[in-house]
Amino acid sequence: MTESKPWLQITAKGDLQLTVHVQPGAKTTSCAGIHGDALKIRLAAPPVDGKANQALIDWLAKTLGCPQSAIELIRGQTSRRKTLSIDASERADALAATLQSLVVT
């Protein structure tokens, strides 16, 4: 990563730490750009019984081409602001580039 993004960090272990702002109950699931210092994700899932959290993990796994088991919600289980850890398995730069490309689309 050439420039620092407050919403996306590579940890000392080589994993990615992603800060997102989630908007549940949207028409479709998509990235909506930057919201403060977080990546804004609109989710089609409702915010009940952890459905939005699971939909977020499902969408990220599909978008990044990694298994759902590589993504862990580490903070914000009941909040719109969430922090996720992504096991990058030596692909941190490629996954970070994919996430950054979402912002411009």
C-alpha atoms as a PDB file:
ATOM      1  CA  MET A   1       0.000   0.000   0.000  1.00  0.00           C
ATOM      2  CA  THR A   2       1.506   3.272  -1.053  1.00  0.00           C
ATOM      3  CA  GLU A   3      -0.630   5.669   0.980  1.00  0.00           C
ATOM      4  CA  SER A   4      -2.103   5.331   4.439  1.00  0.00           C
ATOM      5  CA  LYS A   5      -5.819   4.650   4.769  1.00  0.00           C
ATOM      6  CA  PRO A   6      -7.256   5.000   8.289  1.00  0.00           C
ATOM      7  CA  TRP A   7      -9.916   2.370   7.494  1.00  0.00           C
ATOM      8  CA  LEU A   8      -7.417  -0.219   6.261  1.00  0.00           C
ATOM      9  CA  GLN A   9      -4.286  -1.288   8.103  1.00  0.00           C
ATOM     10  CA  ILE A  10      -1.820  -4.135   7.654  1.00  0.00           C
ATOM     11  CA  THR A  11      -0.923  -5.554  11.064  1.00  0.00           C
ATOM     12  CA  ALA A  12       2.508  -6.730  12.175  1.00  0.00           C
ATOM     13  CA  LYS A  13       1.317 -10.325  11.524  1.00  0.00           C
ATOM     14  CA  GLY A  14       0.517  -9.409   7.927  1.00  0.00           C
ATOM     15  CA  ASP A  15      -3.252  -9.540   8.392  1.00  0.00           C
ATOM     16  CA  LEU A  16      -5.596  -6.767   7.323  1.00  0.00           C
ATOM     17  CA  GLN A  17      -7.609  -4.785   9.839  1.00  0.00           C
ATOM     18  CA  LEU A  18     -10.639  -3.171   8.242  1.00  0.00           C
ATOM     19  CA  THR A  19     -12.900  -0.532   9.814  1.00  0.00           C
ATOM     20  CA  VAL A  20     -16.366  -0.317   8.263  1.00  0.00           C
ATOM     21  CA  HIS A  21     -19.532   1.692   8.762  1.00  0.00           C
ATOM     22  CA  VAL A  22     -22.495  -0.557   7.981  1.00  0.00           C
ATOM     23  CA  GLN A  23     -25.894   0.565   6.707  1.00  0.00           C
ATOM     24  CA  PRO A  24     -28.210  -2.452   7.065  1.00  0.00           C
ATOM     25  CA  GLY A  25     -31.547  -2.735   5.279  1.00  0.00           C
ATOM     26  CA  ALA A  26     -30.354  -1.277   1.953  1.00  0.00           C
ATOM     27  CA  LYS A  27     -31.794  -2.418  -1.394  1.00  0.00           C
ATOM     28  CA  THR A  28     -28.548  -4.117  -2.413  1.00  0.00           C
ATOM     29  CA  THR A  29     -25.226  -4.931  -0.787  1.00  0.00           C
ATOM     30  CA  SER A  30     -22.421  -2.702  -2.048  1.00  0.00           C
ATOM     31  CA  CYS A  31     -19.601  -0.390  -1.080  1.00  0.00           C
ATOM     32  CA  ALA A  32     -20.692   3.228  -0.725  1.00  0.00           C
ATOM     33  CA  GLY A  33     -17.289   4.903  -0.403  1.00  0.00           C
ATOM     34  CA  ILE A  34     -15.774   6.427   2.716  1.00  0.00           C
ATOM     35  CA  HIS A  35     -17.720   7.489   5.822  1.00  0.00           C
ATOM     36  CA  GLY A  36     -15.372   9.480   8.069  1.00  0.00           C
ATOM     37  CA  ASP A  37     -12.463   7.135   8.730  1.00  0.00           C
ATOM     38  CA  ALA A  38     -14.339   3.951   7.775  1.00  0.00           C
ATOM     39  CA  LEU A  39     -15.322   2.145   4.591  1.00  0.00           C
ATOM     40  CA  LYS A  40     -19.110   2.425   4.190  1.00  0.00           C
ATOM     41  CA  ILE A  41     -20.906  -0.786   3.243  1.00  0.00           C
ATOM     42  CA  ARG A  42     -24.609  -0.910   2.442  1.00  0.00           C
ATOM     43  CA  LEU A  43     -26.097  -4.291   3.353  1.00  0.00           C
ATOM     44  CA  ALA A  44     -29.355  -5.759   2.083  1.00  0.00           C
ATOM     45  CA  ALA A  45     -29.672  -7.816   5.283  1.00  0.00           C
ATOM     46  CA  PRO A  46     -31.725  -6.543   8.227  1.00  0.00           C
ATOM     47  CA  PRO A  47     -29.974  -5.695  11.520  1.00  0.00           C
ATOM     48  CA  VAL A  48     -31.537  -8.562  13.481  1.00  0.00           C
ATOM     49  CA  ASP A  49     -30.077 -11.717  15.037  1.00  0.00           C
ATOM     50  CA  GLY A  50     -26.611 -11.112  13.563  1.00  0.00           C
ATOM     51  CA  LYS A  51     -27.888 -11.348   9.968  1.00  0.00           C
ATOM     52  CA  ALA A  52     -26.186  -8.097   8.958  1.00  0.00           C
ATOM     53  CA  ASN A  53     -22.874  -9.239  10.471  1.00  0.00           C
ATOM     54  CA  GLN A  54     -23.029 -12.536   8.588  1.00  0.00           C
ATOM     55  CA  ALA A  55     -24.037 -10.770   5.368  1.00  0.00           C
ATOM     56  CA  LEU A  56     -21.042  -8.442   5.769  1.00  0.00           C
ATOM     57  CA  ILE A  57     -18.654 -11.377   6.185  1.00  0.00           C
ATOM     58  CA  ASP A  58     -20.269 -13.230   3.251  1.00  0.00           C
ATOM     59  CA  TRP A  59     -19.984 -10.180   0.977  1.00  0.00           C
ATOM     60  CA  LEU A  60     -16.380  -9.448   1.960  1.00  0.00           C
ATOM     61  CA  ALA A  61     -15.350 -13.088   1.431  1.00  0.00           C
ATOM     62  CA  LYS A  62     -16.952 -13.152  -2.012  1.00  0.00           C
ATOM     63  CA  THR A  63     -15.516  -9.757  -2.981  1.00  0.00           C
ATOM     64  CA  LEU A  64     -11.999 -10.614  -1.808  1.00  0.00           C
ATOM     65  CA  GLY A  65     -12.052 -14.214  -3.005  1.00  0.00           C
ATOM     66  CA  CYS A  66     -11.137 -15.615   0.390  1.00  0.00           C
ATOM     67  CA  PRO A  67     -12.914 -18.071   2.696  1.00  0.00           C
ATOM     68  CA  GLN A  68     -15.379 -16.737   5.255  1.00  0.00           C
ATOM     69  CA  SER A  69     -13.280 -18.372   7.950  1.00  0.00           C
ATOM     70  CA  ALA A  70     -10.463 -15.912   7.127  1.00  0.00           C
ATOM     71  CA  ILE A  71     -12.638 -12.963   8.212  1.00  0.00           C
ATOM     72  CA  GLU A  72     -13.337 -12.297  11.873  1.00  0.00           C
ATOM     73  CA  LEU A  73     -15.509  -9.578  13.382  1.00  0.00           C
ATOM     74  CA  ILE A  74     -13.376  -8.359  16.278  1.00  0.00           C
ATOM     75  CA  ARG A  75     -15.255  -5.226  17.361  1.00  0.00           C
ATOM     76  CA  GLY A  76     -18.753  -3.766  16.955  1.00  0.00           C
ATOM     77  CA  GLN A  77     -21.052  -6.803  16.928  1.00  0.00           C
ATOM     78  CA  THR A  78     -24.104  -4.615  17.703  1.00  0.00           C
ATOM     79  CA  SER A  79     -22.835  -1.318  16.299  1.00  0.00           C
ATOM     80  CA  ARG A  80     -22.848   0.173  12.824  1.00  0.00           C
ATOM     81  CA  ARG A  81     -19.100   0.749  13.175  1.00  0.00           C
ATOM     82  CA  LYS A  82     -17.232  -2.542  12.997  1.00  0.00           C
ATOM     83  CA  THR A  83     -13.638  -3.690  12.924  1.00  0.00           C
ATOM     84  CA  LEU A  84     -12.769  -6.871  11.069  1.00  0.00           C
ATOM     85  CA  SER A  85      -9.579  -8.872  10.879  1.00  0.00           C
ATOM     86  CA  ILE A  86      -8.807 -10.580   7.589  1.00  0.00           C
ATOM     87  CA  ASP A  87      -6.234 -13.388   7.496  1.00  0.00           C
ATOM     88  CA  ALA A  88      -4.337 -12.273   4.411  1.00  0.00           C
ATOM     89  CA  SER A  89      -2.049 -15.338   4.132  1.00  0.00           C
ATOM     90  CA  GLU A  90       0.761 -13.460   2.357  1.00  0.00           C
ATOM     91  CA  ARG A  91      -1.726 -11.704   0.047  1.00  0.00           C
ATOM     92  CA  ALA A  92      -2.168  -8.553   2.139  1.00  0.00           C
ATOM     93  CA  ASP A  93      -1.142  -6.141  -0.615  1.00  0.00           C
ATOM     94  CA  ALA A  94      -3.438  -7.767  -3.202  1.00  0.00           C
ATOM     95  CA  LEU A  95      -6.414  -7.817  -0.817  1.00  0.00           C
ATOM     96  CA  ALA A  96      -5.728  -4.219   0.226  1.00  0.00           C
ATOM     97  CA  ALA A  97      -5.661  -3.165  -3.441  1.00  0.00           C
ATOM     98  CA  THR A  98      -9.001  -4.909  -4.017  1.00  0.00           C
ATOM     99  CA  LEU A  99     -10.548  -3.108  -1.037  1.00  0.00           C
ATOM    100  CA  GLN A 100      -9.165   0.244  -2.173  1.00  0.00           C
ATOM    101  CA  SER A 101     -10.576  -0.293  -5.657  1.00  0.00           C
ATOM    102  CA  LEU A 102     -14.067  -0.544  -4.107  1.00  0.00           C
ATOM    103  CA  VAL A 103     -13.855   3.076  -3.021  1.00  0.00           C
ATOM    104  CA  VAL A 104     -13.519   4.445  -6.552  1.00  0.00           C
ATOM    105  CA  THR A 105     -16.277   2.299  -8.062  1.00  0.00           C
END
